[in-house]
Structure formats: C-alpha cells, structure tokens
Amino acid sequence: MNLDDRILPGVALMIGFCIFAPLIDVASKLAAQSVPVGVVTLGRFIVQAALMLPVVLVMGLTLRLSRRALWLTALRAAMSIVSTFCFVAAVKVMPIADALAIAFVEPFIILLIGKLVLSEQVGPRRLAASAVGFAGAMLVIQPSFAAFGAVALFPLGTAISFALYMLVTRHLSRHVHPVTMQFQTAVVAALLCLPLLALGDATGEPALAFALPEGIFWLWCFCVGLAATVSHMAMTYALKFAPSATLAPLHYLEIVTATLFGYLFFSDFPDAMTWAGVAVIVGSGLYIIHRERQVARAARLTLDPPAPELR
C-alpha cells in the first residue's frame, strides 16, 4: 500500500485503541472492588502473555533477545507495572475520566525528559505549552485530592512511568518485532510482579496482598488483560501504518470514550472544574503536536530544500 492507502487503516486502528483502552480501566475498576490492586496488575500481564503466545508461534517469530534488548525489555516491563498499578489504584476510588485526564500530562513529561535528560531541542513555546498543560492537570487534581486524598496523585505516577515506557519502547522497537515485544514484556512483567506480591504478604500491605479472584471477578481480571492486549496491539499497528503526527491528535478521543464508559458503568460524570482542566490539557497537547509538526517540516526542508523552479 502507498502512504495514502495506509493512513486510513492506521486512523481506524487508532480509533480502535481509543475505544478499547478505557475498557482496561472499566474492567480494572470492577476487579479492584474485590481483588487486590497487585493481583489485578499481575492478571493483566498473565492474560496478555497467554493471548500473545499463539500469535508469536503462528507468525514464527524468534524469542531470542540480545543482552541490550533483554535489559530494555526488563525496564519496559518495570515501567508497565508501575503505570498499571498506579492507574488501577487510582480508578479503584476515582472516576475513570478524572484519573485519565491527569495521566494525559504524559506527553508533556516526554517533552521535558527529552529536553532535560536527552538534550533534545525543545523551544520556549512548547515548554510554555507544557507548563499550561500541567496547570490544567492541577485543575483536575485539586478537587480530586480534596475528595479522595493522596490517591489523586497516582495518575501522575502513571504519566511519569508511561512516559519512560514510551521512550524505552522507541529504543527497543529497533531490535524487537512489536508482537514479540508485547509477549516478552508481559512475561517479564508477570515474573517481576511475583516478588512484589510476596513482599506485600510479608509486610501486610493490602494493595500487594495475594488473593485469588472469586466468581465474576475472574472475568473482570481476564478482561483487563484482554482489553490491554487488543488496545496496545491496535496502537502498535496504527503507528506502523500511519505517521505518529497524524495519529497523535486522535489519542485525545480516549477522554471522550472514557467519560462515556464511566457514565454508563458507574454513573460518573466529570464536573465543570474537571472539564476545564481537560480542555486546558487537550488544548496544550494539540498545540505541542502542532509545533512538533512545524519543527519536523522545517527540519525536512533544511535537509532537502525544494528544487528551484525552471524559468
């Protein structure tokens, strides 16, 4: 397929991600009412590994990893555990849309990491937009903190860890097939969860206690892993078909679907302050995407200037 033909399935897959990703949060919120957060997190990775293994085998993909890829996979798995745990702990008590709105500061964190750690060129306008985006997050965090306490800060943990997860993924994708990456990350994450749950039992920390689900909660735990597998594979292949600059604005559709599912399943609907914060975060994020496109276009023109017109 040429680029124009590939963009449409890429957009469709990204919309699929925005529909399925909030279902992770719905299933997590349902499961966490009876199952410890650590077990819900472990269940996600066990189900993801079980669902991805047949795909890896059918595609005949290798499971070998270089030493560098192994360390990157372990780091990616660790970040995925932190991201999942923090968000499950948050949506256990918070409305899904509120938690997601706070977590959407992740693009700003990636930008700041690029500037401060990776020495990437980030202009003052994008830095200002990041500051405005964080201010929007504060509009959501302030009433949530008053209502739910320190748990309202957990989505920030998700944002930071997921930003690092994305940066590691960029490097790992150069060495590992995306399907293999999803499977191996899930396996390593499940293995890393086991000592954490053992520590939770030893210390008496309820969020990390090991307790098997009962009844319908088995289904909710399975659905966490199923929705995570489907949504993340949809995003992986969306980025394979279409440029990230085309897909990035569509990611904010996830807030809309999360709000809809939160209302349908839990009768939660954001208040005016939350909507104001969401508007600021989305507006800042879209501006940063716009500036990224402009910078990328200028860089391309510098490297490949247009041919002079023939007269």
C-alpha atoms as a PDB file:
ATOM      1  CA  MET A   1       0.000   0.000   0.000  1.00  0.00           C
ATOM      2  CA  ASN A   2       1.130   3.555  -0.639  1.00  0.00           C
ATOM      3  CA  LEU A   3       1.134   6.128   2.165  1.00  0.00           C
ATOM      4  CA  ASP A   4      -2.343   7.476   1.379  1.00  0.00           C
ATOM      5  CA  ASP A   5      -3.811   3.953   1.398  1.00  0.00           C
ATOM      6  CA  ARG A   6      -2.079   3.122   4.684  1.00  0.00           C
ATOM      7  CA  ILE A   7      -3.275   6.191   6.586  1.00  0.00           C
ATOM      8  CA  LEU A   8      -6.940   5.132   6.673  1.00  0.00           C
ATOM      9  CA  PRO A   9      -6.358   1.748   8.399  1.00  0.00           C
ATOM     10  CA  GLY A  10      -3.888   3.487  10.713  1.00  0.00           C
ATOM     11  CA  VAL A  11      -6.545   6.009  11.744  1.00  0.00           C
ATOM     12  CA  ALA A  12      -9.118   3.215  12.157  1.00  0.00           C
ATOM     13  CA  LEU A  13      -6.751   1.252  14.403  1.00  0.00           C
ATOM     14  CA  MET A  14      -6.023   4.347  16.493  1.00  0.00           C
ATOM     15  CA  ILE A  15      -9.749   4.903  16.981  1.00  0.00           C
ATOM     16  CA  GLY A  16      -9.963   1.239  17.990  1.00  0.00           C
ATOM     17  CA  PHE A  17      -7.288   1.889  20.591  1.00  0.00           C
ATOM     18  CA  CYS A  18      -9.260   4.840  21.979  1.00  0.00           C
ATOM     19  CA  ILE A  19     -12.328   2.606  22.305  1.00  0.00           C
ATOM     20  CA  PHE A  20     -10.641  -0.421  23.861  1.00  0.00           C
ATOM     21  CA  ALA A  21      -8.124   1.343  26.140  1.00  0.00           C
ATOM     22  CA  PRO A  22     -10.792   2.766  28.517  1.00  0.00           C
ATOM     23  CA  LEU A  23     -12.220  -0.751  28.816  1.00  0.00           C
ATOM     24  CA  ILE A  24      -8.972  -1.640  30.622  1.00  0.00           C
ATOM     25  CA  ASP A  25      -9.941   0.982  33.199  1.00  0.00           C
ATOM     26  CA  VAL A  26     -13.549  -0.196  33.421  1.00  0.00           C
ATOM     27  CA  ALA A  27     -12.501  -3.817  33.984  1.00  0.00           C
ATOM     28  CA  SER A  28      -9.791  -2.710  36.447  1.00  0.00           C
ATOM     29  CA  LYS A  29     -12.264  -0.661  38.471  1.00  0.00           C
ATOM     30  CA  LEU A  30     -14.700  -3.599  38.605  1.00  0.00           C
ATOM     31  CA  ALA A  31     -11.972  -6.108  39.508  1.00  0.00           C
ATOM     32  CA  ALA A  32     -10.319  -3.907  42.146  1.00  0.00           C
ATOM     33  CA  GLN A  33     -13.510  -3.757  44.210  1.00  0.00           C
ATOM     34  CA  SER A  34     -12.703  -7.274  45.442  1.00  0.00           C
ATOM     35  CA  VAL A  35      -9.232  -8.174  44.163  1.00  0.00           C
ATOM     36  CA  PRO A  36      -6.011  -6.515  45.458  1.00  0.00           C
ATOM     37  CA  VAL A  37      -4.515  -3.999  43.031  1.00  0.00           C
ATOM     38  CA  GLY A  38      -1.293  -6.024  42.751  1.00  0.00           C
ATOM     39  CA  VAL A  39      -3.210  -9.150  41.702  1.00  0.00           C
ATOM     40  CA  VAL A  40      -5.184  -7.184  39.089  1.00  0.00           C
ATOM     41  CA  THR A  41      -1.842  -5.920  37.753  1.00  0.00           C
ATOM     42  CA  LEU A  42      -0.375  -9.445  37.681  1.00  0.00           C
ATOM     43  CA  GLY A  43      -3.521 -10.780  35.990  1.00  0.00           C
ATOM     44  CA  ARG A  44      -3.205  -8.242  33.197  1.00  0.00           C
ATOM     45  CA  PHE A  45       0.259  -9.496  32.246  1.00  0.00           C
ATOM     46  CA  ILE A  46      -0.555 -13.205  32.598  1.00  0.00           C
ATOM     47  CA  VAL A  47      -3.558 -12.845  30.284  1.00  0.00           C
ATOM     48  CA  GLN A  48      -1.578 -10.689  27.852  1.00  0.00           C
ATOM     49  CA  ALA A  49       1.220 -13.274  27.676  1.00  0.00           C
ATOM     50  CA  ALA A  50      -1.264 -16.130  27.190  1.00  0.00           C
ATOM     51  CA  LEU A  51      -3.058 -14.282  24.379  1.00  0.00           C
ATOM     52  CA  MET A  52       0.148 -13.219  22.614  1.00  0.00           C
ATOM     53  CA  LEU A  53       1.948 -16.594  22.723  1.00  0.00           C
ATOM     54  CA  PRO A  54      -0.161 -18.243  19.965  1.00  0.00           C
ATOM     55  CA  VAL A  55       0.309 -15.140  17.795  1.00  0.00           C
ATOM     56  CA  VAL A  56       4.089 -15.316  18.241  1.00  0.00           C
ATOM     57  CA  LEU A  57       4.111 -19.036  17.372  1.00  0.00           C
ATOM     58  CA  VAL A  58       1.830 -18.685  14.319  1.00  0.00           C
ATOM     59  CA  MET A  59       3.957 -15.840  12.973  1.00  0.00           C
ATOM     60  CA  GLY A  60       7.119 -17.867  13.572  1.00  0.00           C
ATOM     61  CA  LEU A  61       8.826 -15.037  15.416  1.00  0.00           C
ATOM     62  CA  THR A  62      12.052 -15.572  17.303  1.00  0.00           C
ATOM     63  CA  LEU A  63      12.096 -15.158  21.076  1.00  0.00           C
ATOM     64  CA  ARG A  64      15.848 -14.588  21.271  1.00  0.00           C
ATOM     65  CA  LEU A  65      16.998 -11.336  22.800  1.00  0.00           C
ATOM     66  CA  SER A  66      20.359  -9.675  22.804  1.00  0.00           C
ATOM     67  CA  ARG A  67      21.703  -8.585  26.174  1.00  0.00           C
ATOM     68  CA  ARG A  68      20.769  -4.961  25.419  1.00  0.00           C
ATOM     69  CA  ALA A  69      17.255  -5.917  24.315  1.00  0.00           C
ATOM     70  CA  LEU A  70      16.819  -8.040  27.451  1.00  0.00           C
ATOM     71  CA  TRP A  71      17.668  -5.116  29.731  1.00  0.00           C
ATOM     72  CA  LEU A  72      15.397  -2.788  27.764  1.00  0.00           C
ATOM     73  CA  THR A  73      12.580  -5.354  27.977  1.00  0.00           C
ATOM     74  CA  ALA A  74      13.033  -5.624  31.744  1.00  0.00           C
ATOM     75  CA  LEU A  75      12.960  -1.825  32.074  1.00  0.00           C
ATOM     76  CA  ARG A  76       9.883  -1.602  29.829  1.00  0.00           C
ATOM     77  CA  ALA A  77       8.175  -4.276  31.926  1.00  0.00           C
ATOM     78  CA  ALA A  78       9.010  -2.473  35.180  1.00  0.00           C
ATOM     79  CA  MET A  79       7.580   0.800  33.845  1.00  0.00           C
ATOM     80  CA  SER A  80       4.468  -1.024  32.660  1.00  0.00           C
ATOM     81  CA  ILE A  81       3.976  -2.497  36.141  1.00  0.00           C
ATOM     82  CA  VAL A  82       4.247   0.914  37.817  1.00  0.00           C
ATOM     83  CA  SER A  83       1.951   2.515  35.248  1.00  0.00           C
ATOM     84  CA  THR A  84      -0.688  -0.206  35.570  1.00  0.00           C
ATOM     85  CA  PHE A  85      -0.524  -0.414  39.368  1.00  0.00           C
ATOM     86  CA  CYS A  86      -0.852   3.358  39.847  1.00  0.00           C
ATOM     87  CA  PHE A  87      -3.781   3.644  37.486  1.00  0.00           C
ATOM     88  CA  VAL A  88      -5.663   0.641  38.887  1.00  0.00           C
ATOM     89  CA  ALA A  89      -5.144   2.030  42.402  1.00  0.00           C
ATOM     90  CA  ALA A  90      -6.495   5.391  41.218  1.00  0.00           C
ATOM     91  CA  VAL A  91      -9.603   4.189  39.359  1.00  0.00           C
ATOM     92  CA  LYS A  92     -10.478   1.909  42.262  1.00  0.00           C
ATOM     93  CA  VAL A  93     -11.782   5.035  44.015  1.00  0.00           C
ATOM     94  CA  MET A  94     -11.685   7.854  41.428  1.00  0.00           C
ATOM     95  CA  PRO A  95     -13.850   8.394  38.342  1.00  0.00           C
ATOM     96  CA  ILE A  96     -12.076   6.991  35.277  1.00  0.00           C
ATOM     97  CA  ALA A  97     -12.250  10.261  33.313  1.00  0.00           C
ATOM     98  CA  ASP A  98     -10.676  12.242  36.185  1.00  0.00           C
ATOM     99  CA  ALA A  99      -7.775   9.793  36.527  1.00  0.00           C
ATOM    100  CA  LEU A 100      -7.244   9.672  32.761  1.00  0.00           C
ATOM    101  CA  ALA A 101      -7.263  13.462  32.456  1.00  0.00           C
ATOM    102  CA  ILE A 102      -4.433  13.693  34.998  1.00  0.00           C
ATOM    103  CA  ALA A 103      -2.499  10.892  33.277  1.00  0.00           C
ATOM    104  CA  PHE A 104      -2.718  12.797  29.986  1.00  0.00           C
ATOM    105  CA  VAL A 105       0.164  15.025  31.117  1.00  0.00           C
ATOM    106  CA  GLU A 106       2.365  12.158  29.859  1.00  0.00           C
ATOM    107  CA  PRO A 107       3.202  13.887  26.513  1.00  0.00           C
ATOM    108  CA  PHE A 108       4.427  16.929  28.448  1.00  0.00           C
ATOM    109  CA  ILE A 109       6.648  14.710  30.598  1.00  0.00           C
ATOM    110  CA  ILE A 110       8.131  13.083  27.476  1.00  0.00           C
ATOM    111  CA  LEU A 111       8.892  16.555  26.157  1.00  0.00           C
ATOM    112  CA  LEU A 112      10.600  17.585  29.410  1.00  0.00           C
ATOM    113  CA  ILE A 113      12.609  14.356  29.594  1.00  0.00           C
ATOM    114  CA  GLY A 114      13.734  14.970  26.028  1.00  0.00           C
ATOM    115  CA  LYS A 115      14.823  18.481  26.967  1.00  0.00           C
ATOM    116  CA  LEU A 116      16.426  17.849  30.354  1.00  0.00           C
ATOM    117  CA  VAL A 117      17.778  14.295  30.025  1.00  0.00           C
ATOM    118  CA  LEU A 118      18.248  13.607  26.319  1.00  0.00           C
ATOM    119  CA  SER A 119      19.325  17.172  25.401  1.00  0.00           C
ATOM    120  CA  GLU A 120      16.760  17.382  22.613  1.00  0.00           C
ATOM    121  CA  GLN A 121      15.952  20.781  21.154  1.00  0.00           C
ATOM    122  CA  VAL A 122      12.670  21.991  22.671  1.00  0.00           C
ATOM    123  CA  GLY A 123      11.629  25.577  22.037  1.00  0.00           C
ATOM    124  CA  PRO A 124      10.174  28.002  24.600  1.00  0.00           C
ATOM    125  CA  ARG A 125       6.661  27.785  23.107  1.00  0.00           C
ATOM    126  CA  ARG A 126       6.464  24.030  23.620  1.00  0.00           C
ATOM    127  CA  LEU A 127       7.859  24.396  27.141  1.00  0.00           C
ATOM    128  CA  ALA A 128       5.217  27.050  27.848  1.00  0.00           C
ATOM    129  CA  ALA A 129       2.510  24.749  26.488  1.00  0.00           C
ATOM    130  CA  SER A 130       3.783  22.002  28.821  1.00  0.00           C
ATOM    131  CA  ALA A 131       3.510  24.369  31.786  1.00  0.00           C
ATOM    132  CA  VAL A 132      -0.046  25.261  30.783  1.00  0.00           C
ATOM    133  CA  GLY A 133      -0.864  21.546  30.431  1.00  0.00           C
ATOM    134  CA  PHE A 134       0.390  20.866  33.960  1.00  0.00           C
ATOM    135  CA  ALA A 135      -1.741  23.769  35.186  1.00  0.00           C
ATOM    136  CA  GLY A 136      -4.729  22.072  33.559  1.00  0.00           C
ATOM    137  CA  ALA A 137      -3.877  18.879  35.423  1.00  0.00           C
ATOM    138  CA  MET A 138      -3.893  20.848  38.677  1.00  0.00           C
ATOM    139  CA  LEU A 139      -7.490  21.892  37.935  1.00  0.00           C
ATOM    140  CA  VAL A 140      -8.377  18.198  37.976  1.00  0.00           C
ATOM    141  CA  ILE A 141      -6.085  17.157  40.828  1.00  0.00           C
ATOM    142  CA  GLN A 142      -7.170  19.838  43.311  1.00  0.00           C
ATOM    143  CA  PRO A 143     -10.835  18.770  43.742  1.00  0.00           C
ATOM    144  CA  SER A 144      -9.858  15.100  43.352  1.00  0.00           C
ATOM    145  CA  PHE A 145      -7.268  15.447  46.125  1.00  0.00           C
ATOM    146  CA  ALA A 146      -9.887  17.048  48.378  1.00  0.00           C
ATOM    147  CA  ALA A 147     -12.319  14.199  47.666  1.00  0.00           C
ATOM    148  CA  PHE A 148     -10.017  11.150  47.528  1.00  0.00           C
ATOM    149  CA  GLY A 149      -6.780  12.188  49.225  1.00  0.00           C
ATOM    150  CA  ALA A 150      -3.298  11.224  48.046  1.00  0.00           C
ATOM    151  CA  VAL A 151      -4.689   8.610  45.643  1.00  0.00           C
ATOM    152  CA  ALA A 152      -5.438  11.528  43.286  1.00  0.00           C
ATOM    153  CA  LEU A 153      -1.666  11.754  42.712  1.00  0.00           C
ATOM    154  CA  PHE A 154      -1.426   8.155  41.487  1.00  0.00           C
ATOM    155  CA  PRO A 155      -2.280   9.091  37.855  1.00  0.00           C
ATOM    156  CA  LEU A 156       0.820  11.298  37.893  1.00  0.00           C
ATOM    157  CA  GLY A 157       2.788   8.142  38.692  1.00  0.00           C
ATOM    158  CA  THR A 158       1.124   6.553  35.678  1.00  0.00           C
ATOM    159  CA  ALA A 159       2.026   9.549  33.498  1.00  0.00           C
ATOM    160  CA  ILE A 160       5.704   9.526  34.530  1.00  0.00           C
ATOM    161  CA  SER A 161       6.156   5.761  34.230  1.00  0.00           C
ATOM    162  CA  PHE A 162       4.270   5.581  30.930  1.00  0.00           C
ATOM    163  CA  ALA A 163       6.400   8.401  29.520  1.00  0.00           C
ATOM    164  CA  LEU A 164       9.515   6.373  30.375  1.00  0.00           C
ATOM    165  CA  TYR A 165       7.789   3.254  28.966  1.00  0.00           C
ATOM    166  CA  MET A 166       7.272   5.045  25.642  1.00  0.00           C
ATOM    167  CA  LEU A 167      10.870   6.248  25.498  1.00  0.00           C
ATOM    168  CA  VAL A 168      12.168   2.723  26.175  1.00  0.00           C
ATOM    169  CA  THR A 169       9.761   1.347  23.554  1.00  0.00           C
ATOM    170  CA  ARG A 170      11.247   3.682  20.919  1.00  0.00           C
ATOM    171  CA  HIS A 171      14.699   2.191  21.521  1.00  0.00           C
ATOM    172  CA  LEU A 172      13.519  -1.426  21.872  1.00  0.00           C
ATOM    173  CA  SER A 173      11.443  -1.308  18.677  1.00  0.00           C
ATOM    174  CA  ARG A 174      14.698  -1.042  16.700  1.00  0.00           C
ATOM    175  CA  HIS A 175      15.714  -4.512  17.889  1.00  0.00           C
ATOM    176  CA  VAL A 176      12.497  -6.477  18.530  1.00  0.00           C
ATOM    177  CA  HIS A 177       9.354  -7.204  16.483  1.00  0.00           C
ATOM    178  CA  PRO A 178       6.324  -5.423  18.044  1.00  0.00           C
ATOM    179  CA  VAL A 179       4.399  -8.685  18.584  1.00  0.00           C
ATOM    180  CA  THR A 180       7.377 -10.331  20.272  1.00  0.00           C
ATOM    181  CA  MET A 181       7.885  -7.161  22.312  1.00  0.00           C
ATOM    182  CA  GLN A 182       4.345  -7.315  23.702  1.00  0.00           C
ATOM    183  CA  PHE A 183       4.683 -11.001  24.606  1.00  0.00           C
ATOM    184  CA  GLN A 184       8.123 -10.747  26.195  1.00  0.00           C
ATOM    185  CA  THR A 185       7.221  -7.600  28.140  1.00  0.00           C
ATOM    186  CA  ALA A 186       4.143  -9.346  29.537  1.00  0.00           C
ATOM    187  CA  VAL A 187       6.155 -12.428  30.582  1.00  0.00           C
ATOM    188  CA  VAL A 188       8.893 -10.382  32.261  1.00  0.00           C
ATOM    189  CA  ALA A 189       6.336  -8.119  33.962  1.00  0.00           C
ATOM    190  CA  ALA A 190       4.445 -11.119  35.349  1.00  0.00           C
ATOM    191  CA  LEU A 191       7.693 -12.548  36.742  1.00  0.00           C
ATOM    192  CA  LEU A 192       8.599  -9.194  38.316  1.00  0.00           C
ATOM    193  CA  CYS A 193       5.164  -8.958  39.947  1.00  0.00           C
ATOM    194  CA  LEU A 194       5.636 -12.204  41.900  1.00  0.00           C
ATOM    195  CA  PRO A 195       8.310 -10.961  44.368  1.00  0.00           C
ATOM    196  CA  LEU A 196       6.323  -7.743  44.825  1.00  0.00           C
ATOM    197  CA  LEU A 197       3.267  -9.751  45.880  1.00  0.00           C
ATOM    198  CA  ALA A 198       5.431 -11.879  48.175  1.00  0.00           C
ATOM    199  CA  LEU A 199       6.737  -8.684  49.749  1.00  0.00           C
ATOM    200  CA  GLY A 200       3.178  -7.441  50.129  1.00  0.00           C
ATOM    201  CA  ASP A 201       2.199 -10.603  52.001  1.00  0.00           C
ATOM    202  CA  ALA A 202       5.252 -10.290  54.240  1.00  0.00           C
ATOM    203  CA  THR A 203       4.595  -6.617  55.073  1.00  0.00           C
ATOM    204  CA  GLY A 204       0.812  -6.820  55.275  1.00  0.00           C
ATOM    205  CA  GLU A 205       0.299  -4.172  52.562  1.00  0.00           C
ATOM    206  CA  PRO A 206      -3.280  -4.826  51.362  1.00  0.00           C
ATOM    207  CA  ALA A 207      -2.740  -3.457  47.841  1.00  0.00           C
ATOM    208  CA  LEU A 208       0.053  -6.008  47.308  1.00  0.00           C
ATOM    209  CA  ALA A 209      -1.531  -8.944  49.123  1.00  0.00           C
ATOM    210  CA  PHE A 210      -2.044 -12.140  47.116  1.00  0.00           C
ATOM    211  CA  ALA A 211      -5.633 -13.288  46.921  1.00  0.00           C
ATOM    212  CA  LEU A 212      -7.228 -15.246  44.087  1.00  0.00           C
ATOM    213  CA  PRO A 213     -10.304 -13.696  42.478  1.00  0.00           C
ATOM    214  CA  GLU A 214     -13.677 -15.307  43.120  1.00  0.00           C
ATOM    215  CA  GLY A 215     -16.765 -15.626  40.942  1.00  0.00           C
ATOM    216  CA  ILE A 216     -17.349 -12.843  38.434  1.00  0.00           C
ATOM    217  CA  PHE A 217     -14.074 -11.175  39.427  1.00  0.00           C
ATOM    218  CA  TRP A 218     -12.172 -13.812  37.420  1.00  0.00           C
ATOM    219  CA  LEU A 219     -13.934 -12.424  34.351  1.00  0.00           C
ATOM    220  CA  TRP A 220     -13.074  -8.816  35.195  1.00  0.00           C
ATOM    221  CA  CYS A 221      -9.382  -9.712  35.677  1.00  0.00           C
ATOM    222  CA  PHE A 222      -9.376 -11.551  32.341  1.00  0.00           C
ATOM    223  CA  CYS A 223     -10.996  -8.545  30.657  1.00  0.00           C
ATOM    224  CA  VAL A 224      -8.216  -6.274  31.953  1.00  0.00           C
ATOM    225  CA  GLY A 225      -5.648  -8.380  30.097  1.00  0.00           C
ATOM    226  CA  LEU A 226      -7.837  -8.819  27.021  1.00  0.00           C
ATOM    227  CA  ALA A 227      -8.530  -5.084  26.624  1.00  0.00           C
ATOM    228  CA  ALA A 228      -4.864  -4.259  27.242  1.00  0.00           C
ATOM    229  CA  THR A 229      -3.702  -6.744  24.603  1.00  0.00           C
ATOM    230  CA  VAL A 230      -6.187  -5.616  21.950  1.00  0.00           C
ATOM    231  CA  SER A 231      -5.707  -1.886  22.553  1.00  0.00           C
ATOM    232  CA  HIS A 232      -1.908  -1.937  22.643  1.00  0.00           C
ATOM    233  CA  MET A 233      -1.651  -4.087  19.521  1.00  0.00           C
ATOM    234  CA  ALA A 234      -4.070  -1.708  17.786  1.00  0.00           C
ATOM    235  CA  MET A 235      -1.814   1.235  18.666  1.00  0.00           C
ATOM    236  CA  THR A 236       1.327  -0.653  17.643  1.00  0.00           C
ATOM    237  CA  TYR A 237      -0.031  -1.395  14.172  1.00  0.00           C
ATOM    238  CA  ALA A 238      -1.645   2.036  13.849  1.00  0.00           C
ATOM    239  CA  LEU A 239       1.833   3.531  14.188  1.00  0.00           C
ATOM    240  CA  LYS A 240       3.091   1.023  11.614  1.00  0.00           C
ATOM    241  CA  PHE A 241       0.523   2.229   9.052  1.00  0.00           C
ATOM    242  CA  ALA A 242       0.284   5.970   9.694  1.00  0.00           C
ATOM    243  CA  PRO A 243       2.683   8.695  10.878  1.00  0.00           C
ATOM    244  CA  SER A 244       2.593   9.479  14.603  1.00  0.00           C
ATOM    245  CA  ALA A 245       1.940  13.146  13.774  1.00  0.00           C
ATOM    246  CA  THR A 246      -1.305  12.089  12.076  1.00  0.00           C
ATOM    247  CA  LEU A 247      -2.404   9.808  14.895  1.00  0.00           C
ATOM    248  CA  ALA A 248      -1.383  11.868  17.951  1.00  0.00           C
ATOM    249  CA  PRO A 249      -4.422  14.223  17.944  1.00  0.00           C
ATOM    250  CA  LEU A 250      -6.760  11.218  17.796  1.00  0.00           C
ATOM    251  CA  HIS A 251      -5.398   9.966  21.116  1.00  0.00           C
ATOM    252  CA  TYR A 252      -7.461  12.603  22.930  1.00  0.00           C
ATOM    253  CA  LEU A 253     -10.585  10.772  21.761  1.00  0.00           C
ATOM    254  CA  GLU A 254      -9.793   8.393  24.624  1.00  0.00           C
ATOM    255  CA  ILE A 255     -11.000  11.006  27.130  1.00  0.00           C
ATOM    256  CA  VAL A 256     -14.381  11.075  25.374  1.00  0.00           C
ATOM    257  CA  THR A 257     -14.790   7.287  25.389  1.00  0.00           C
ATOM    258  CA  ALA A 258     -13.530   7.061  28.993  1.00  0.00           C
ATOM    259  CA  THR A 259     -16.139   9.617  30.058  1.00  0.00           C
ATOM    260  CA  LEU A 260     -18.854   7.691  28.208  1.00  0.00           C
ATOM    261  CA  PHE A 261     -17.891   4.336  29.747  1.00  0.00           C
ATOM    262  CA  GLY A 262     -17.534   5.889  33.196  1.00  0.00           C
ATOM    263  CA  TYR A 263     -21.059   7.254  32.941  1.00  0.00           C
ATOM    264  CA  LEU A 264     -22.552   4.025  31.516  1.00  0.00           C
ATOM    265  CA  PHE A 265     -20.908   1.647  34.005  1.00  0.00           C
ATOM    266  CA  PHE A 266     -20.544   3.768  37.157  1.00  0.00           C
ATOM    267  CA  SER A 267     -22.767   6.853  36.645  1.00  0.00           C
ATOM    268  CA  ASP A 268     -19.648   9.050  36.959  1.00  0.00           C
ATOM    269  CA  PHE A 269     -19.601  12.326  35.041  1.00  0.00           C
ATOM    270  CA  PRO A 270     -16.877  14.990  35.319  1.00  0.00           C
ATOM    271  CA  ASP A 271     -17.783  18.264  36.977  1.00  0.00           C
ATOM    272  CA  ALA A 272     -17.153  21.708  35.485  1.00  0.00           C
ATOM    273  CA  MET A 273     -13.688  22.036  37.064  1.00  0.00           C
ATOM    274  CA  THR A 274     -12.608  18.694  35.599  1.00  0.00           C
ATOM    275  CA  TRP A 275     -13.906  19.659  32.144  1.00  0.00           C
ATOM    276  CA  ALA A 276     -11.965  22.930  32.383  1.00  0.00           C
ATOM    277  CA  GLY A 277      -8.805  21.011  33.223  1.00  0.00           C
ATOM    278  CA  VAL A 278      -9.426  18.558  30.373  1.00  0.00           C
ATOM    279  CA  ALA A 279      -9.880  21.458  27.940  1.00  0.00           C
ATOM    280  CA  VAL A 280      -6.582  23.033  29.036  1.00  0.00           C
ATOM    281  CA  ILE A 281      -4.692  19.715  28.845  1.00  0.00           C
ATOM    282  CA  VAL A 282      -6.098  18.821  25.417  1.00  0.00           C
ATOM    283  CA  GLY A 283      -5.540  22.339  24.059  1.00  0.00           C
ATOM    284  CA  SER A 284      -1.931  22.368  25.265  1.00  0.00           C
ATOM    285  CA  GLY A 285      -1.317  18.891  23.904  1.00  0.00           C
ATOM    286  CA  LEU A 286      -2.720  19.738  20.485  1.00  0.00           C
ATOM    287  CA  TYR A 287      -0.567  22.876  20.368  1.00  0.00           C
ATOM    288  CA  ILE A 288       2.545  20.825  21.133  1.00  0.00           C
ATOM    289  CA  ILE A 289       1.597  18.377  18.360  1.00  0.00           C
ATOM    290  CA  HIS A 290       1.173  21.342  16.006  1.00  0.00           C
ATOM    291  CA  ARG A 291       4.608  22.698  16.949  1.00  0.00           C
ATOM    292  CA  GLU A 292       6.199  19.235  16.558  1.00  0.00           C
ATOM    293  CA  ARG A 293       4.834  19.113  13.012  1.00  0.00           C
ATOM    294  CA  GLN A 294       6.192  22.553  12.226  1.00  0.00           C
ATOM    295  CA  VAL A 295       9.644  21.723  13.597  1.00  0.00           C
ATOM    296  CA  ALA A 296       9.713  18.418  11.695  1.00  0.00           C
ATOM    297  CA  ARG A 297       8.647  20.148   8.479  1.00  0.00           C
ATOM    298  CA  ALA A 298      11.345  22.811   8.889  1.00  0.00           C
ATOM    299  CA  ALA A 299      13.961  20.110   9.506  1.00  0.00           C
ATOM    300  CA  ARG A 300      12.926  18.264   6.344  1.00  0.00           C
ATOM    301  CA  LEU A 301      13.149  21.442   4.282  1.00  0.00           C
ATOM    302  CA  THR A 302      16.621  22.122   5.681  1.00  0.00           C
ATOM    303  CA  LEU A 303      17.834  18.641   4.731  1.00  0.00           C
ATOM    304  CA  ASP A 304      16.033  18.503   1.391  1.00  0.00           C
ATOM    305  CA  PRO A 305      15.320  22.022   0.083  1.00  0.00           C
ATOM    306  CA  PRO A 306      12.839  22.311  -2.795  1.00  0.00           C
ATOM    307  CA  ALA A 307      14.311  22.331  -6.290  1.00  0.00           C
ATOM    308  CA  PRO A 308      14.495  25.753  -7.940  1.00  0.00           C
ATOM    309  CA  GLU A 309      11.804  26.482 -10.472  1.00  0.00           C
ATOM    310  CA  LEU A 310      12.732  26.334 -14.136  1.00  0.00           C
ATOM    311  CA  ARG A 311      12.177  29.578 -15.975  1.00  0.00           C
END
